[in-house]
Amino acid sequence: MMVVSSVPKILFPFAGETKGGSLHSALMLIMKLRDFGIDAQAVCHGPGYAFDEAVRVGAPIISLPGFGRAKENRDRSDGLRAANILSMRHVGSVLRKERPTLIHLNEKRMIRTWSVPARLLRVPLLIHWRSNYTPSWSVDLGLCMAQQVVSISQFSSEALPRWARKKNFVIYNPVNAPPGGSSIQHSRAAKRLSLGIDDDAVLVGCFTNFSVRKRPHLFLEVIQRLRSTHGKKIYGLLCGDVTPPADKRFLTMVETEDWSSRVFMPGYVHDAIAWMSACDVILAPALSEPWGRTLVEAQSLGIPVVAAADGGHLESIQNGVDGMLIASDSPDDWAHAVARLIDEEQLRAAIIENGQASAAALSLDRHASAVVDVYRKLVGSKIGFADYIEQ
């Protein structure tokens, strides 16, 4: 446990409707920092999923007005909107009232909204880079103003401008320890019962959004191949919702065919771990993924994974050791890999064992300690992070 002589205050701003793996990683960090004696708090711009999740995990919340139609205007050359600028006065009020030690930003909308007020009021700024990089003058301005940048993978880091990489640290996302074996088995049985599938059926899962880069159409094609070539009953579980730019090929497949007897599509699920526990194999066909949270969560649960050999997946998976990587976009190649994990017991057992060991190395304690080390480098000499003692 870490103790500190004075209590640093770290603010984590979010748009209230934010959702996804990056949000969950940030909330996990907030709660672990509080265990370390740091006053970490969420700041939510409006209601929504992020606000509800912060309440659920017990994080202290500072509420600010929302952005209205908060989605970025994708027809513009830059995502800066009037709402970002108008919200800066609320941000300034929070900074003056709370007098935080530093601001820890985790998403582009917050970079556009918080960077300028933080710089004007001389509050240290850390940006946690969790997404793909595309040129944007408003985001680049925030990256320029930040004293430190943390990336979630080497792939994510290398995409940043050279000047941003000079102040960048790579810290992989954490994975919570999975629930006990009996809890996993109970979740598995309950979810499969709710889906109406037999114990001996094979359920192949995919947890993603339905954008072009995520390639949900490939998942449907793999399920088609498996059902036509494999002797066992094969079903798909596709959890997520449509995110622009949508995968039109996927949407066409869904609109023109009846998938209800082959693939379950419950939408975006809040209890992803419970749904994941019902699966026998997890697929991740996304390209240019910054890291691969779903893969590591599956590994921690003892579920073998098959992923695209691209982006951050290459850092999350050792092909043939703790998962399988597929370099092609051929549904037959993907289906063959899944079939091997179903049929070859020795291969499946080895990948499960190695996968659980890989996931265990990404503990929340280790992640939070690495982030605190970055905090030390940023402001430790001023406000007490240098007084941390590891016991």
Protein backbone atom coordinates (compact mmCIF):
# COMPACT_ATOMS: atom_id res chain seq x y z
CA MET A 1 0.00 0.00 0.00
CA MET A 2 1.14 3.54 -0.72
CA VAL A 3 0.75 6.45 1.70
CA VAL A 4 1.41 10.13 1.17
CA SER A 5 1.93 13.00 3.58
CA SER A 6 -0.33 15.41 1.68
CA VAL A 7 -3.32 14.31 -0.40
CA PRO A 8 -3.05 15.04 -4.13
CA LYS A 9 -6.32 15.67 -5.97
CA ILE A 10 -6.62 14.30 -9.51
CA LEU A 11 -9.62 15.15 -11.70
CA PHE A 12 -10.71 12.79 -14.50
CA PRO A 13 -13.15 14.59 -16.86
CA PHE A 14 -15.60 12.66 -19.08
CA ALA A 15 -18.50 13.47 -21.37
CA GLY A 16 -21.47 11.99 -19.50
CA GLU A 17 -22.55 9.67 -22.32
CA THR A 18 -19.07 8.23 -22.94
CA LYS A 19 -18.90 4.44 -22.93
CA GLY A 20 -16.44 1.71 -23.86
CA GLY A 21 -13.34 -0.05 -22.62
CA SER A 22 -11.31 3.14 -22.16
CA LEU A 23 -13.92 4.51 -19.76
CA HIS A 24 -13.84 1.35 -17.69
CA SER A 25 -10.03 1.41 -17.55
CA ALA A 26 -10.11 5.03 -16.36
CA LEU A 27 -12.72 4.28 -13.69
CA MET A 28 -10.69 1.31 -12.48
CA LEU A 29 -7.70 3.64 -12.18
CA ILE A 30 -9.71 6.23 -10.24
CA MET A 31 -10.79 3.68 -7.65
CA LYS A 32 -7.32 2.17 -7.28
CA LEU A 33 -5.75 5.61 -6.86
CA ARG A 34 -8.21 6.23 -4.05
CA ASP A 35 -7.00 3.00 -2.44
CA PHE A 36 -3.50 4.51 -2.65
CA GLY A 37 -4.67 7.56 -0.69
CA ILE A 38 -5.07 9.88 -3.69
CA ASP A 39 -8.22 11.98 -4.00
CA ALA A 40 -9.16 10.92 -7.54
CA GLN A 41 -12.53 12.18 -8.77
CA ALA A 42 -14.61 11.89 -11.94
CA VAL A 43 -15.97 15.06 -13.56
CA CYS A 44 -19.00 14.29 -15.76
CA HIS A 45 -20.31 16.71 -18.37
CA GLY A 46 -23.98 15.78 -18.25
CA PRO A 47 -25.79 12.50 -17.53
CA GLY A 48 -25.33 9.25 -19.38
CA TYR A 49 -23.42 5.99 -19.32
CA ALA A 50 -20.17 7.42 -17.90
CA PHE A 51 -22.03 9.15 -15.09
CA ASP A 52 -23.98 5.97 -14.28
CA GLU A 53 -20.83 3.83 -14.29
CA ALA A 54 -19.02 6.27 -12.02
CA VAL A 55 -21.93 6.01 -9.59
CA ARG A 56 -21.93 2.22 -9.86
CA VAL A 57 -18.24 1.85 -8.96
CA GLY A 58 -18.51 4.42 -6.16
CA ALA A 59 -16.32 7.16 -7.64
CA PRO A 60 -16.84 10.71 -6.33
CA ILE A 61 -18.41 12.83 -9.09
CA ILE A 62 -18.36 16.52 -9.91
CA SER A 63 -21.31 17.27 -12.22
CA LEU A 64 -21.16 19.83 -15.03
CA PRO A 65 -23.70 20.70 -17.73
CA GLY A 66 -23.66 18.40 -20.74
CA PHE A 67 -22.68 19.24 -24.30
CA GLY A 68 -26.14 18.85 -25.78
CA ARG A 69 -25.56 17.03 -29.05
CA ALA A 70 -22.10 16.00 -27.89
CA LYS A 71 -20.99 13.94 -30.87
CA GLU A 72 -18.29 15.55 -32.94
CA ASN A 73 -19.27 16.93 -36.32
CA ARG A 74 -17.49 14.48 -38.60
CA ASP A 75 -18.08 16.64 -41.68
CA ARG A 76 -15.75 19.30 -40.32
CA SER A 77 -11.99 19.23 -40.71
CA ASP A 78 -11.59 19.42 -36.93
CA GLY A 79 -13.84 18.11 -34.17
CA LEU A 80 -13.85 21.32 -32.11
CA ARG A 81 -17.42 22.48 -31.52
CA ALA A 82 -18.98 25.54 -29.94
CA ALA A 83 -20.02 23.34 -27.01
CA ASN A 84 -16.35 22.71 -26.16
CA ILE A 85 -15.63 26.42 -26.03
CA LEU A 86 -18.81 27.28 -24.08
CA SER A 87 -18.02 24.59 -21.51
CA MET A 88 -14.62 26.12 -20.76
CA ARG A 89 -16.18 28.62 -18.35
CA HIS A 90 -17.60 25.73 -16.29
CA VAL A 91 -14.20 24.06 -16.39
CA GLY A 92 -12.53 27.24 -15.15
CA SER A 93 -14.96 27.43 -12.23
CA VAL A 94 -14.18 23.82 -11.24
CA LEU A 95 -10.44 24.42 -11.44
CA ARG A 96 -10.66 27.54 -9.25
CA LYS A 97 -12.91 25.84 -6.69
CA GLU A 98 -11.27 22.42 -6.50
CA ARG A 99 -7.63 23.54 -6.95
CA PRO A 100 -6.61 20.10 -8.29
CA THR A 101 -3.08 18.81 -8.26
CA LEU A 102 -3.40 17.81 -11.91
CA ILE A 103 -5.91 16.96 -14.62
CA HIS A 104 -5.91 13.48 -16.17
CA LEU A 105 -7.63 13.53 -19.59
CA ASN A 106 -8.78 10.34 -21.34
CA GLU A 107 -10.76 11.35 -24.45
CA LYS A 108 -10.55 13.81 -27.32
CA ARG A 109 -13.62 15.87 -26.35
CA MET A 110 -12.08 16.47 -22.94
CA ILE A 111 -8.74 17.39 -24.50
CA ARG A 112 -10.55 20.05 -26.54
CA THR A 113 -12.48 21.32 -23.51
CA TRP A 114 -10.01 21.18 -20.61
CA SER A 115 -6.54 21.81 -22.04
CA VAL A 116 -6.80 25.58 -22.53
CA PRO A 117 -8.38 26.37 -19.11
CA ALA A 118 -5.87 24.09 -17.36
CA ARG A 119 -2.96 25.81 -19.08
CA LEU A 120 -4.32 29.32 -18.37
CA LEU A 121 -4.77 28.47 -14.67
CA ARG A 122 -1.42 26.68 -14.54
CA VAL A 123 -2.83 23.30 -13.55
CA PRO A 124 -0.55 20.42 -14.65
CA LEU A 125 -2.02 18.32 -17.43
CA LEU A 126 -1.61 14.63 -18.33
CA ILE A 127 -3.23 13.16 -21.43
CA HIS A 128 -3.91 9.41 -21.47
CA TRP A 129 -3.89 8.60 -25.19
CA ARG A 130 -6.30 5.70 -25.66
CA SER A 131 -7.37 6.04 -29.30
CA ASN A 132 -6.06 6.19 -32.85
CA TYR A 133 -4.35 9.39 -33.93
CA THR A 134 -5.65 11.54 -36.78
CA PRO A 135 -4.40 15.09 -37.38
CA SER A 136 -6.55 17.65 -35.53
CA TRP A 137 -5.35 21.12 -34.64
CA SER A 138 -7.50 21.29 -31.48
CA VAL A 139 -6.29 17.91 -30.19
CA ASP A 140 -2.71 18.72 -31.20
CA LEU A 141 -3.00 21.95 -29.22
CA GLY A 142 -3.99 19.93 -26.15
CA LEU A 143 -1.15 17.45 -26.69
CA CYS A 144 1.23 20.40 -26.97
CA MET A 145 -0.05 21.89 -23.71
CA ALA A 146 0.15 18.60 -21.79
CA GLN A 147 3.29 18.11 -19.73
CA GLN A 148 3.06 14.30 -20.05
CA VAL A 149 1.32 11.86 -22.40
CA VAL A 150 0.59 8.22 -21.58
CA SER A 151 -0.18 5.78 -24.41
CA ILE A 152 -1.79 2.37 -24.01
CA SER A 153 0.53 0.61 -26.50
CA GLN A 154 3.62 1.09 -28.61
CA PHE A 155 1.32 1.03 -31.65
CA SER A 156 -0.71 3.90 -30.22
CA SER A 157 2.42 5.80 -29.22
CA GLU A 158 4.16 5.50 -32.59
CA ALA A 159 1.19 7.09 -34.36
CA LEU A 160 1.58 10.33 -32.36
CA PRO A 161 3.57 13.26 -33.76
CA ARG A 162 7.27 13.07 -32.98
CA TRP A 163 7.12 16.07 -30.64
CA ALA A 164 4.36 14.36 -28.59
CA ARG A 165 6.33 11.11 -28.36
CA LYS A 166 9.17 12.96 -26.63
CA LYS A 167 7.00 13.30 -23.49
CA ASN A 168 5.22 9.95 -23.88
CA PHE A 169 5.20 6.87 -21.63
CA VAL A 170 3.61 3.55 -22.64
CA ILE A 171 1.54 1.90 -19.90
CA TYR A 172 -0.69 -1.02 -20.86
CA ASN A 173 -4.28 -0.97 -19.64
CA PRO A 174 -5.14 -3.00 -16.54
CA VAL A 175 -7.41 -6.02 -16.28
CA ASN A 176 -9.43 -6.65 -13.15
CA ALA A 177 -8.94 -10.03 -11.54
CA PRO A 178 -11.75 -12.28 -12.84
CA PRO A 179 -14.47 -13.52 -10.48
CA GLY A 180 -14.02 -16.91 -8.83
CA GLY A 181 -14.53 -20.12 -10.77
CA SER A 182 -18.00 -20.83 -9.38
CA SER A 183 -19.11 -17.29 -10.24
CA ILE A 184 -17.87 -17.66 -13.81
CA GLN A 185 -19.63 -20.99 -14.20
CA HIS A 186 -22.85 -19.53 -12.79
CA SER A 187 -22.70 -16.60 -15.24
CA ARG A 188 -21.94 -18.95 -18.10
CA ALA A 189 -24.87 -21.23 -17.29
CA ALA A 190 -27.27 -18.32 -16.73
CA LYS A 191 -26.42 -16.53 -19.98
CA ARG A 192 -26.54 -19.69 -22.07
CA LEU A 193 -29.89 -20.58 -20.53
CA SER A 194 -31.21 -17.11 -21.38
CA LEU A 195 -30.09 -17.64 -24.99
CA GLY A 196 -31.67 -21.08 -25.15
CA ILE A 197 -28.56 -22.95 -26.29
CA ASP A 198 -27.45 -26.41 -25.15
CA ASP A 199 -24.40 -27.05 -22.99
CA ASP A 200 -22.67 -28.89 -25.83
CA ALA A 201 -23.19 -26.05 -28.32
CA VAL A 202 -20.24 -23.78 -29.20
CA LEU A 203 -20.73 -20.05 -28.67
CA VAL A 204 -18.31 -17.74 -30.47
CA GLY A 205 -18.36 -14.16 -29.19
CA CYS A 206 -17.35 -10.74 -30.44
CA PHE A 207 -17.54 -7.56 -28.35
CA THR A 208 -17.17 -4.45 -30.47
CA ASN A 209 -18.96 -1.59 -32.15
CA PHE A 210 -20.22 -1.87 -35.71
CA SER A 211 -17.84 0.56 -37.42
CA VAL A 212 -15.81 -0.06 -40.57
CA ARG A 213 -12.55 -0.55 -38.68
CA LYS A 214 -14.05 -3.15 -36.33
CA ARG A 215 -15.21 -5.35 -39.28
CA PRO A 216 -18.32 -6.97 -37.73
CA HIS A 217 -19.19 -8.30 -41.19
CA LEU A 218 -16.17 -10.61 -40.96
CA PHE A 219 -17.52 -12.04 -37.72
CA LEU A 220 -20.83 -12.91 -39.40
CA GLU A 221 -19.00 -14.51 -42.31
CA VAL A 222 -16.92 -16.64 -39.93
CA ILE A 223 -20.04 -17.89 -38.18
CA GLN A 224 -21.51 -18.79 -41.59
CA ARG A 225 -18.41 -20.81 -42.48
CA LEU A 226 -18.31 -22.61 -39.14
CA ARG A 227 -21.98 -23.57 -39.27
CA SER A 228 -21.56 -25.02 -42.76
CA THR A 229 -18.29 -26.89 -42.10
CA HIS A 230 -18.19 -27.92 -38.43
CA GLY A 231 -20.01 -30.87 -36.94
CA LYS A 232 -20.99 -29.17 -33.68
CA LYS A 233 -23.77 -26.68 -33.14
CA ILE A 234 -22.20 -23.24 -33.65
CA TYR A 235 -23.74 -19.95 -32.57
CA GLY A 236 -22.44 -16.39 -32.61
CA LEU A 237 -22.80 -13.69 -29.95
CA LEU A 238 -22.24 -10.16 -31.26
CA CYS A 239 -22.44 -7.47 -28.56
CA GLY A 240 -22.25 -3.81 -29.54
CA ASP A 241 -23.99 -1.03 -31.44
CA VAL A 242 -23.51 1.08 -34.54
CA THR A 243 -20.77 3.72 -34.38
CA PRO A 244 -19.97 5.98 -37.36
CA PRO A 245 -18.54 5.37 -39.83
CA ALA A 246 -20.75 2.27 -39.88
CA ASP A 247 -19.71 -1.00 -41.52
CA LYS A 248 -22.18 -0.85 -44.44
CA ARG A 249 -21.35 -4.39 -45.49
CA PHE A 250 -22.41 -5.58 -42.04
CA LEU A 251 -25.59 -3.49 -42.10
CA THR A 252 -26.51 -4.91 -45.51
CA MET A 253 -25.99 -8.47 -44.26
CA VAL A 254 -28.22 -7.81 -41.25
CA GLU A 255 -30.94 -6.14 -43.31
CA THR A 256 -31.07 -8.78 -46.05
CA GLU A 257 -30.73 -11.99 -44.01
CA ASP A 258 -32.39 -13.43 -40.90
CA TRP A 259 -29.61 -14.09 -38.38
CA SER A 260 -31.81 -14.75 -35.36
CA SER A 261 -31.23 -18.52 -35.38
CA ARG A 262 -27.47 -18.18 -35.83
CA VAL A 263 -26.21 -15.02 -34.13
CA PHE A 264 -27.48 -13.36 -30.96
CA MET A 265 -27.25 -9.54 -31.04
CA PRO A 266 -28.23 -8.10 -27.64
CA GLY A 267 -26.80 -4.65 -28.42
CA TYR A 268 -24.37 -2.85 -26.14
CA VAL A 269 -24.14 -4.87 -22.92
CA HIS A 270 -23.25 -3.37 -19.55
CA ASP A 271 -22.27 -6.72 -17.98
CA ALA A 272 -19.76 -7.65 -20.68
CA ILE A 273 -17.80 -10.05 -18.46
CA ALA A 274 -20.93 -12.09 -17.73
CA TRP A 275 -21.75 -12.32 -21.43
CA MET A 276 -18.14 -13.12 -22.26
CA SER A 277 -18.11 -15.99 -19.75
CA ALA A 278 -20.81 -17.73 -21.81
CA CYS A 279 -18.49 -17.98 -24.83
CA ASP A 280 -16.10 -20.74 -25.87
CA VAL A 281 -13.98 -18.56 -28.17
CA ILE A 282 -13.70 -14.77 -28.57
CA LEU A 283 -12.97 -13.13 -31.94
CA ALA A 284 -11.50 -9.65 -32.45
CA PRO A 285 -11.41 -8.83 -36.19
CA ALA A 286 -10.77 -5.09 -35.72
CA LEU A 287 -7.90 -3.40 -37.57
CA SER A 288 -5.64 -0.70 -36.12
CA GLU A 289 -6.86 -1.41 -32.59
CA PRO A 290 -4.88 0.73 -30.12
CA TRP A 291 -4.58 -2.18 -27.71
CA GLY A 292 -7.05 -5.04 -27.26
CA ARG A 293 -8.92 -4.88 -23.95
CA THR A 294 -11.50 -7.51 -24.94
CA LEU A 295 -8.73 -9.98 -25.73
CA VAL A 296 -7.05 -9.64 -22.35
CA GLU A 297 -10.37 -9.80 -20.49
CA ALA A 298 -11.12 -13.05 -22.34
CA GLN A 299 -7.68 -14.40 -21.44
CA SER A 300 -8.27 -13.64 -17.77
CA LEU A 301 -11.53 -15.63 -17.91
CA GLY A 302 -9.83 -18.63 -19.51
CA ILE A 303 -11.40 -18.11 -22.95
CA PRO A 304 -9.14 -18.52 -26.01
CA VAL A 305 -8.99 -15.61 -28.44
CA VAL A 306 -8.53 -15.20 -32.20
CA ALA A 307 -7.58 -11.71 -33.32
CA ALA A 308 -6.50 -9.76 -36.36
CA ALA A 309 -2.71 -9.64 -36.66
CA ASP A 310 -2.69 -5.88 -36.67
CA GLY A 311 -2.23 -2.83 -34.45
CA GLY A 312 -2.10 -3.25 -30.68
CA HIS A 313 -3.19 -6.88 -30.97
CA LEU A 314 0.41 -7.69 -31.84
CA GLU A 315 1.37 -6.50 -28.35
CA SER A 316 -1.54 -8.24 -26.60
CA ILE A 317 -1.21 -11.69 -28.20
CA GLN A 318 1.68 -14.08 -28.89
CA ASN A 319 0.49 -16.10 -31.85
CA GLY A 320 0.06 -19.77 -31.02
CA VAL A 321 1.12 -19.20 -27.40
CA ASP A 322 -1.60 -17.27 -25.57
CA GLY A 323 -3.94 -16.68 -28.52
CA MET A 324 -4.12 -16.86 -32.29
CA LEU A 325 -3.46 -14.06 -34.77
CA ILE A 326 -4.86 -14.08 -38.31
CA ALA A 327 -3.19 -11.88 -40.92
CA SER A 328 -5.77 -12.37 -43.69
CA ASP A 329 -9.37 -11.23 -44.05
CA SER A 330 -10.44 -14.63 -45.36
CA PRO A 331 -13.41 -16.04 -43.38
CA ASP A 332 -12.06 -19.52 -44.12
CA ASP A 333 -8.76 -18.77 -42.36
CA TRP A 334 -10.58 -17.40 -39.33
CA ALA A 335 -13.01 -20.32 -39.24
CA HIS A 336 -10.10 -22.78 -39.44
CA ALA A 337 -8.42 -21.15 -36.40
CA VAL A 338 -11.65 -21.29 -34.40
CA ALA A 339 -12.18 -24.93 -35.39
CA ARG A 340 -8.72 -25.80 -34.11
CA LEU A 341 -9.49 -24.24 -30.74
CA ILE A 342 -12.73 -26.23 -30.59
CA ASP A 343 -11.28 -29.57 -31.72
CA GLU A 344 -7.66 -29.67 -30.49
CA GLU A 345 -7.90 -30.05 -26.72
CA GLN A 346 -4.15 -29.83 -26.10
CA LEU A 347 -3.83 -26.59 -28.09
CA ARG A 348 -6.88 -25.08 -26.40
CA ALA A 349 -5.62 -25.96 -22.91
CA ALA A 350 -2.16 -24.50 -23.56
CA ILE A 351 -3.53 -21.24 -24.97
CA ILE A 352 -5.94 -20.88 -22.04
CA GLU A 353 -3.18 -21.45 -19.47
CA ASN A 354 -0.74 -19.08 -21.17
CA GLY A 355 -3.46 -16.51 -21.74
CA GLN A 356 -4.37 -16.41 -18.06
CA ALA A 357 -0.70 -15.92 -17.17
CA SER A 358 -0.41 -13.04 -19.66
CA ALA A 359 -3.52 -11.35 -18.29
CA ALA A 360 -2.34 -11.76 -14.71
CA ALA A 361 0.76 -9.68 -15.52
CA LEU A 362 -1.50 -6.71 -16.29
CA SER A 363 -2.75 -6.21 -12.75
CA LEU A 364 -4.53 -3.05 -11.66
CA ASP A 365 -2.00 -2.50 -8.86
CA ARG A 366 0.88 -2.55 -11.33
CA HIS A 367 -0.95 -0.22 -13.71
CA ALA A 368 -1.80 2.32 -11.00
CA SER A 369 1.75 2.27 -9.63
CA ALA A 370 3.12 2.99 -13.11
CA VAL A 371 0.70 5.92 -13.51
CA VAL A 372 1.71 7.30 -10.10
CA ASP A 373 5.33 7.18 -11.25
CA VAL A 374 4.34 9.45 -14.15
CA TYR A 375 2.53 11.75 -11.72
CA ARG A 376 5.75 11.93 -9.70
CA LYS A 377 7.72 12.97 -12.74
CA LEU A 378 5.13 15.61 -13.53
CA VAL A 379 4.44 17.24 -10.16
CA GLY A 380 6.06 15.15 -7.43
CA SER A 381 8.62 17.69 -6.35
CA LYS A 382 5.86 20.27 -5.75
CA ILE A 383 2.99 18.59 -3.95
CA GLY A 384 4.06 15.44 -2.20
CA PHE A 385 4.16 12.59 -4.73
CA ALA A 386 7.86 12.37 -3.91
CA ASP A 387 6.81 11.40 -0.36
CA TYR A 388 5.17 8.15 -1.50
CA ILE A 389 6.53 5.11 0.30
CA GLU A 390 6.01 1.58 -0.95
CA GLN A 391 5.56 -0.88 1.87
